[in-house]
């Protein structure tokens, strides 16, 4: 799976909020990889939104409802 395909899968999955661990299980990827290399880019460009303040325990992510598809 390419990084772009992975990004698309995360965007689709996060219509309902998910934690890094849930996403890692769904996508069969390392939580560390998602947390360090994929999720930050999606948050930075506004594609994903944090559901809690940054670095909160139990952080989950959801797809930005204003995202143009």
PDB file of N, CA and C in Angstrom:
ATOM      1  N   UNK A   1       0.850  -1.174   0.000  1.00  0.00           N
ATOM      2  CA  UNK A   1       0.000   0.000   0.000  1.00  0.00           C
ATOM      3  C   UNK A   1       0.898   1.240   0.000  1.00  0.00           C
ATOM      4  N   UNK A   2       0.620   2.144  -0.910  1.00  0.00           N
ATOM      5  CA  UNK A   2       1.398   3.384  -0.957  1.00  0.00           C
ATOM      6  C   UNK A   2       0.963   4.311   0.174  1.00  0.00           C
ATOM      7  N   UNK A   3       1.781   5.317   0.435  1.00  0.00           N
ATOM      8  CA  UNK A   3       1.428   6.280   1.477  1.00  0.00           C
ATOM      9  C   UNK A   3       0.135   7.008   1.117  1.00  0.00           C
ATOM     10  N   UNK A   4      -0.065   7.299  -0.157  1.00  0.00           N
ATOM     11  CA  UNK A   4      -1.304   7.972  -0.598  1.00  0.00           C
ATOM     12  C   UNK A   4      -2.514   7.074  -0.366  1.00  0.00           C
ATOM     13  N   UNK A   5      -2.393   5.788  -0.659  1.00  0.00           N
ATOM     14  CA  UNK A   5      -3.492   4.858  -0.408  1.00  0.00           C
ATOM     15  C   UNK A   5      -3.780   4.760   1.086  1.00  0.00           C
ATOM     16  N   UNK A   6      -2.727   4.754   1.886  1.00  0.00           N
ATOM     17  CA  UNK A   6      -2.881   4.715   3.331  1.00  0.00           C
ATOM     18  C   UNK A   6      -3.623   5.954   3.825  1.00  0.00           C
ATOM     19  N   UNK A   7      -3.239   7.113   3.299  1.00  0.00           N
ATOM     20  CA  UNK A   7      -3.919   8.365   3.658  1.00  0.00           C
ATOM     21  C   UNK A   7      -5.408   8.282   3.328  1.00  0.00           C
ATOM     22  N   UNK A   8      -5.735   7.772   2.148  1.00  0.00           N
ATOM     23  CA  UNK A   8      -7.141   7.657   1.737  1.00  0.00           C
ATOM     24  C   UNK A   8      -7.918   6.714   2.659  1.00  0.00           C
ATOM     25  N   UNK A   9      -7.299   5.612   3.048  1.00  0.00           N
ATOM     26  CA  UNK A   9      -7.943   4.660   3.961  1.00  0.00           C
ATOM     27  C   UNK A   9      -8.212   5.314   5.321  1.00  0.00           C
ATOM     28  N   UNK A  10      -7.267   6.094   5.805  1.00  0.00           N
ATOM     29  CA  UNK A  10      -7.439   6.781   7.085  1.00  0.00           C
ATOM     30  C   UNK A  10      -8.568   7.802   6.983  1.00  0.00           C
ATOM     31  N   UNK A  11      -8.600   8.556   5.900  1.00  0.00           N
ATOM     32  CA  UNK A  11      -9.652   9.549   5.699  1.00  0.00           C
ATOM     33  C   UNK A  11     -11.030   8.877   5.700  1.00  0.00           C
ATOM     34  N   UNK A  12     -11.142   7.754   5.010  1.00  0.00           N
ATOM     35  CA  UNK A  12     -12.412   7.030   4.967  1.00  0.00           C
ATOM     36  C   UNK A  12     -12.774   6.450   6.328  1.00  0.00           C
ATOM     37  N   UNK A  13     -11.802   5.883   7.030  1.00  0.00           N
ATOM     38  CA  UNK A  13     -12.064   5.264   8.330  1.00  0.00           C
ATOM     39  C   UNK A  13     -12.455   6.293   9.386  1.00  0.00           C
ATOM     40  N   UNK A  14     -11.908   7.473   9.292  1.00  0.00           N
ATOM     41  CA  UNK A  14     -12.109   8.477  10.337  1.00  0.00           C
ATOM     42  C   UNK A  14     -13.378   9.311  10.155  1.00  0.00           C
ATOM     43  N   UNK A  15     -14.296   8.819   9.343  1.00  0.00           N
ATOM     44  CA  UNK A  15     -15.622   9.430   9.327  1.00  0.00           C
ATOM     45  C   UNK A  15     -16.205   9.285  10.736  1.00  0.00           C
ATOM     46  N   UNK A  16     -15.826   8.204  11.405  1.00  0.00           N
ATOM     47  CA  UNK A  16     -16.101   7.989  12.821  1.00  0.00           C
ATOM     48  C   UNK A  16     -14.752   8.106  13.515  1.00  0.00           C
ATOM     49  N   UNK A  17     -14.699   8.788  14.662  1.00  0.00           N
ATOM     50  CA  UNK A  17     -13.387   9.010  15.282  1.00  0.00           C
ATOM     51  C   UNK A  17     -12.732   7.703  15.719  1.00  0.00           C
ATOM     52  N   UNK A  18     -11.392   7.685  15.562  1.00  0.00           N
ATOM     53  CA  UNK A  18     -10.577   6.523  15.899  1.00  0.00           C
ATOM     54  C   UNK A  18      -9.286   6.982  16.571  1.00  0.00           C
ATOM     55  N   UNK A  19      -8.786   6.134  17.448  1.00  0.00           N
ATOM     56  CA  UNK A  19      -7.477   6.365  18.054  1.00  0.00           C
ATOM     57  C   UNK A  19      -6.399   5.830  17.114  1.00  0.00           C
ATOM     58  N   UNK A  20      -5.159   6.187  17.404  1.00  0.00           N
ATOM     59  CA  UNK A  20      -4.030   5.660  16.631  1.00  0.00           C
ATOM     60  C   UNK A  20      -4.015   4.130  16.691  1.00  0.00           C
ATOM     61  N   UNK A  21      -4.232   3.572  17.878  1.00  0.00           N
ATOM     62  CA  UNK A  21      -4.204   2.113  18.024  1.00  0.00           C
ATOM     63  C   UNK A  21      -5.314   1.445  17.204  1.00  0.00           C
ATOM     64  N   UNK A  22      -6.494   2.044  17.189  1.00  0.00           N
ATOM     65  CA  UNK A  22      -7.585   1.480  16.389  1.00  0.00           C
ATOM     66  C   UNK A  22      -7.240   1.530  14.906  1.00  0.00           C
ATOM     67  N   UNK A  23      -6.698   2.655  14.460  1.00  0.00           N
ATOM     68  CA  UNK A  23      -6.304   2.774  13.055  1.00  0.00           C
ATOM     69  C   UNK A  23      -5.214   1.760  12.709  1.00  0.00           C
ATOM     70  N   UNK A  24      -4.254   1.597  13.595  1.00  0.00           N
ATOM     71  CA  UNK A  24      -3.165   0.648  13.354  1.00  0.00           C
ATOM     72  C   UNK A  24      -3.708  -0.775  13.192  1.00  0.00           C
ATOM     73  N   UNK A  25      -4.667  -1.136  14.019  1.00  0.00           N
ATOM     74  CA  UNK A  25      -5.272  -2.459  13.922  1.00  0.00           C
ATOM     75  C   UNK A  25      -6.050  -2.609  12.620  1.00  0.00           C
ATOM     76  N   UNK A  26      -6.855  -1.603  12.297  1.00  0.00           N
ATOM     77  CA  UNK A  26      -7.646  -1.649  11.055  1.00  0.00           C
ATOM     78  C   UNK A  26      -6.768  -1.754   9.820  1.00  0.00           C
ATOM     79  N   UNK A  27      -5.676  -1.009   9.817  1.00  0.00           N
ATOM     80  CA  UNK A  27      -4.826  -0.904   8.634  1.00  0.00           C
ATOM     81  C   UNK A  27      -3.620  -1.835   8.640  1.00  0.00           C
ATOM     82  N   UNK A  28      -3.464  -2.570   9.749  1.00  0.00           N
ATOM     83  CA  UNK A  28      -2.332  -3.490   9.903  1.00  0.00           C
ATOM     84  C   UNK A  28      -0.997  -2.755   9.730  1.00  0.00           C
ATOM     85  N   UNK A  29      -0.899  -1.626  10.416  1.00  0.00           N
ATOM     86  CA  UNK A  29       0.314  -0.805  10.414  1.00  0.00           C
ATOM     87  C   UNK A  29       0.743  -0.564  11.851  1.00  0.00           C
ATOM     88  N   UNK A  30       1.979  -0.184  12.022  1.00  0.00           N
ATOM     89  CA  UNK A  30       2.507   0.127  13.347  1.00  0.00           C
ATOM     90  C   UNK A  30       1.912   1.434  13.869  1.00  0.00           C
ATOM     91  N   UNK A  31       1.459   1.453  15.128  1.00  0.00           N
ATOM     92  CA  UNK A  31       0.971   2.714  15.700  1.00  0.00           C
ATOM     93  C   UNK A  31       2.039   3.806  15.647  1.00  0.00           C
ATOM     94  N   UNK A  32       3.299   3.424  15.891  1.00  0.00           N
ATOM     95  CA  UNK A  32       4.386   4.408  15.856  1.00  0.00           C
ATOM     96  C   UNK A  32       4.543   5.012  14.465  1.00  0.00           C
ATOM     97  N   UNK A  33       4.447   4.184  13.441  1.00  0.00           N
ATOM     98  CA  UNK A  33       4.556   4.689  12.065  1.00  0.00           C
ATOM     99  C   UNK A  33       3.435   5.681  11.775  1.00  0.00           C
ATOM    100  N   UNK A  34       2.209   5.305  12.106  1.00  0.00           N
ATOM    101  CA  UNK A  34       1.075   6.209  11.869  1.00  0.00           C
ATOM    102  C   UNK A  34       1.239   7.513  12.648  1.00  0.00           C
ATOM    103  N   UNK A  35       1.618   7.385  13.912  1.00  0.00           N
ATOM    104  CA  UNK A  35       1.726   8.562  14.774  1.00  0.00           C
ATOM    105  C   UNK A  35       2.867   9.488  14.373  1.00  0.00           C
ATOM    106  N   UNK A  36       3.927   8.942  13.848  1.00  0.00           N
ATOM    107  CA  UNK A  36       5.097   9.768  13.531  1.00  0.00           C
ATOM    108  C   UNK A  36       5.190  10.213  12.075  1.00  0.00           C
ATOM    109  N   UNK A  37       4.602   9.460  11.149  1.00  0.00           N
ATOM    110  CA  UNK A  37       4.818   9.757   9.737  1.00  0.00           C
ATOM    111  C   UNK A  37       3.560  10.026   8.908  1.00  0.00           C
ATOM    112  N   UNK A  38       2.404   9.626   9.391  1.00  0.00           N
ATOM    113  CA  UNK A  38       1.204   9.781   8.569  1.00  0.00           C
ATOM    114  C   UNK A  38       0.212  10.766   9.186  1.00  0.00           C
ATOM    115  N   UNK A  39      -0.181  10.528  10.420  1.00  0.00           N
ATOM    116  CA  UNK A  39      -1.199  11.360  11.075  1.00  0.00           C
ATOM    117  C   UNK A  39      -0.777  12.832  11.172  1.00  0.00           C
ATOM    118  N   UNK A  40       0.470  13.141  11.543  1.00  0.00           N
ATOM    119  CA  UNK A  40       0.824  14.571  11.643  1.00  0.00           C
ATOM    120  C   UNK A  40       0.612  15.350  10.342  1.00  0.00           C
ATOM    121  N   UNK A  41       0.905  14.738   9.205  1.00  0.00           N
ATOM    122  CA  UNK A  41       0.687  15.406   7.913  1.00  0.00           C
ATOM    123  C   UNK A  41      -0.799  15.653   7.664  1.00  0.00           C
ATOM    124  N   UNK A  42      -1.633  14.667   8.007  1.00  0.00           N
ATOM    125  CA  UNK A  42      -3.077  14.810   7.805  1.00  0.00           C
ATOM    126  C   UNK A  42      -3.674  15.869   8.720  1.00  0.00           C
ATOM    127  N   UNK A  43      -3.143  15.971   9.935  1.00  0.00           N
ATOM    128  CA  UNK A  43      -3.610  17.009  10.863  1.00  0.00           C
ATOM    129  C   UNK A  43      -3.115  18.379  10.398  1.00  0.00           C
ATOM    130  N   UNK A  44      -1.855  18.450   9.989  1.00  0.00           N
ATOM    131  CA  UNK A  44      -1.261  19.727   9.568  1.00  0.00           C
ATOM    132  C   UNK A  44      -1.978  20.322   8.362  1.00  0.00           C
ATOM    133  N   UNK A  45      -2.427  19.469   7.427  1.00  0.00           N
ATOM    134  CA  UNK A  45      -3.096  20.015   6.248  1.00  0.00           C
ATOM    135  C   UNK A  45      -4.613  20.154   6.432  1.00  0.00           C
ATOM    136  N   UNK A  46      -5.104  19.856   7.651  1.00  0.00           N
ATOM    137  CA  UNK A  46      -6.517  20.061   7.952  1.00  0.00           C
ATOM    138  C   UNK A  46      -7.430  18.931   7.520  1.00  0.00           C
ATOM    139  N   UNK A  47      -6.861  17.826   7.041  1.00  0.00           N
ATOM    140  CA  UNK A  47      -7.671  16.693   6.607  1.00  0.00           C
ATOM    141  C   UNK A  47      -8.269  15.958   7.795  1.00  0.00           C
ATOM    142  N   UNK A  48      -7.453  15.781   8.846  1.00  0.00           N
ATOM    143  CA  UNK A  48      -7.939  15.164  10.085  1.00  0.00           C
ATOM    144  C   UNK A  48      -7.985  16.210  11.179  1.00  0.00           C
ATOM    145  N   UNK A  49      -8.937  16.025  12.080  1.00  0.00           N
ATOM    146  CA  UNK A  49      -9.058  16.892  13.249  1.00  0.00           C
ATOM    147  C   UNK A  49      -8.854  16.062  14.501  1.00  0.00           C
ATOM    148  N   UNK A  50      -8.159  16.634  15.474  1.00  0.00           N
ATOM    149  CA  UNK A  50      -8.059  15.998  16.789  1.00  0.00           C
ATOM    150  C   UNK A  50      -9.387  16.219  17.506  1.00  0.00           C
ATOM    151  N   UNK A  51      -9.822  15.225  18.281  1.00  0.00           N
ATOM    152  CA  UNK A  51     -11.069  15.388  19.023  1.00  0.00           C
ATOM    153  C   UNK A  51     -10.819  15.938  20.423  1.00  0.00           C
ATOM    154  N   UNK A  52      -9.554  16.011  20.814  1.00  0.00           N
ATOM    155  CA  UNK A  52      -9.148  16.547  22.119  1.00  0.00           C
ATOM    156  C   UNK A  52      -7.942  17.447  21.898  1.00  0.00           C
ATOM    157  N   UNK A  53      -7.592  18.255  22.905  1.00  0.00           N
ATOM    158  CA  UNK A  53      -6.386  19.082  22.753  1.00  0.00           C
ATOM    159  C   UNK A  53      -5.163  18.212  22.450  1.00  0.00           C
ATOM    160  N   UNK A  54      -4.206  18.792  21.756  1.00  0.00           N
ATOM    161  CA  UNK A  54      -2.997  18.092  21.350  1.00  0.00           C
ATOM    162  C   UNK A  54      -2.353  17.337  22.513  1.00  0.00           C
ATOM    163  N   UNK A  55      -1.926  16.117  22.253  1.00  0.00           N
ATOM    164  CA  UNK A  55      -1.212  15.251  23.202  1.00  0.00           C
ATOM    165  C   UNK A  55      -2.058  14.830  24.404  1.00  0.00           C
ATOM    166  N   UNK A  56      -3.386  14.886  24.287  1.00  0.00           N
ATOM    167  CA  UNK A  56      -4.257  14.415  25.369  1.00  0.00           C
ATOM    168  C   UNK A  56      -4.295  12.899  25.378  1.00  0.00           C
ATOM    169  N   UNK A  57      -4.363  12.303  26.564  1.00  0.00           N
ATOM    170  CA  UNK A  57      -4.544  10.844  26.622  1.00  0.00           C
ATOM    171  C   UNK A  57      -5.874  10.482  25.961  1.00  0.00           C
ATOM    172  N   UNK A  58      -5.910   9.370  25.288  1.00  0.00           N
ATOM    173  CA  UNK A  58      -7.137   8.941  24.634  1.00  0.00           C
ATOM    174  C   UNK A  58      -7.477   9.744  23.387  1.00  0.00           C
ATOM    175  N   UNK A  59      -6.468  10.387  22.804  1.00  0.00           N
ATOM    176  CA  UNK A  59      -6.685  11.205  21.604  1.00  0.00           C
ATOM    177  C   UNK A  59      -7.297  10.361  20.492  1.00  0.00           C
ATOM    178  N   UNK A  60      -8.286  10.912  19.836  1.00  0.00           N
ATOM    179  CA  UNK A  60      -8.843  10.286  18.647  1.00  0.00           C
ATOM    180  C   UNK A  60      -8.874  11.329  17.531  1.00  0.00           C
ATOM    181  N   UNK A  61      -9.052  10.844  16.331  1.00  0.00           N
ATOM    182  CA  UNK A  61      -9.018  11.697  15.139  1.00  0.00           C
ATOM    183  C   UNK A  61     -10.261  11.445  14.310  1.00  0.00           C
ATOM    184  N   UNK A  62     -10.720  12.495  13.648  1.00  0.00           N
ATOM    185  CA  UNK A  62     -11.847  12.348  12.731  1.00  0.00           C
ATOM    186  C   UNK A  62     -11.574  13.159  11.474  1.00  0.00           C
ATOM    187  N   UNK A  63     -12.177  12.711  10.378  1.00  0.00           N
ATOM    188  CA  UNK A  63     -12.035  13.423   9.118  1.00  0.00           C
ATOM    189  C   UNK A  63     -12.751  14.769   9.222  1.00  0.00           C
ATOM    190  N   UNK A  64     -12.105  15.797   8.736  1.00  0.00           N
ATOM    191  CA  UNK A  64     -12.670  17.135   8.757  1.00  0.00           C
ATOM    192  C   UNK A  64     -13.976  17.141   7.945  1.00  0.00           C
ATOM    193  N   UNK A  65     -15.109  17.475   8.577  1.00  0.00           N
ATOM    194  CA  UNK A  65     -16.373  17.451   7.829  1.00  0.00           C
ATOM    195  C   UNK A  65     -16.424  18.492   6.703  1.00  0.00           C
ATOM    196  N   UNK A  66     -15.539  19.479   6.740  1.00  0.00           N
ATOM    197  CA  UNK A  66     -15.505  20.506   5.698  1.00  0.00           C
ATOM    198  C   UNK A  66     -14.609  20.111   4.530  1.00  0.00           C
ATOM    199  N   UNK A  67     -14.047  18.917   4.578  1.00  0.00           N
ATOM    200  CA  UNK A  67     -13.136  18.446   3.547  1.00  0.00           C
ATOM    201  C   UNK A  67     -13.873  18.276   2.220  1.00  0.00           C
ATOM    202  N   UNK A  68     -13.311  18.868   1.173  1.00  0.00           N
ATOM    203  CA  UNK A  68     -13.875  18.712  -0.169  1.00  0.00           C
ATOM    204  C   UNK A  68     -13.391  17.396  -0.750  1.00  0.00           C
ATOM    205  N   UNK A  69     -14.316  16.538  -1.099  1.00  0.00           N
ATOM    206  CA  UNK A  69     -13.937  15.238  -1.682  1.00  0.00           C
ATOM    207  C   UNK A  69     -14.119  15.246  -3.150  1.00  0.00           C
TER     208      UNK A  69
END
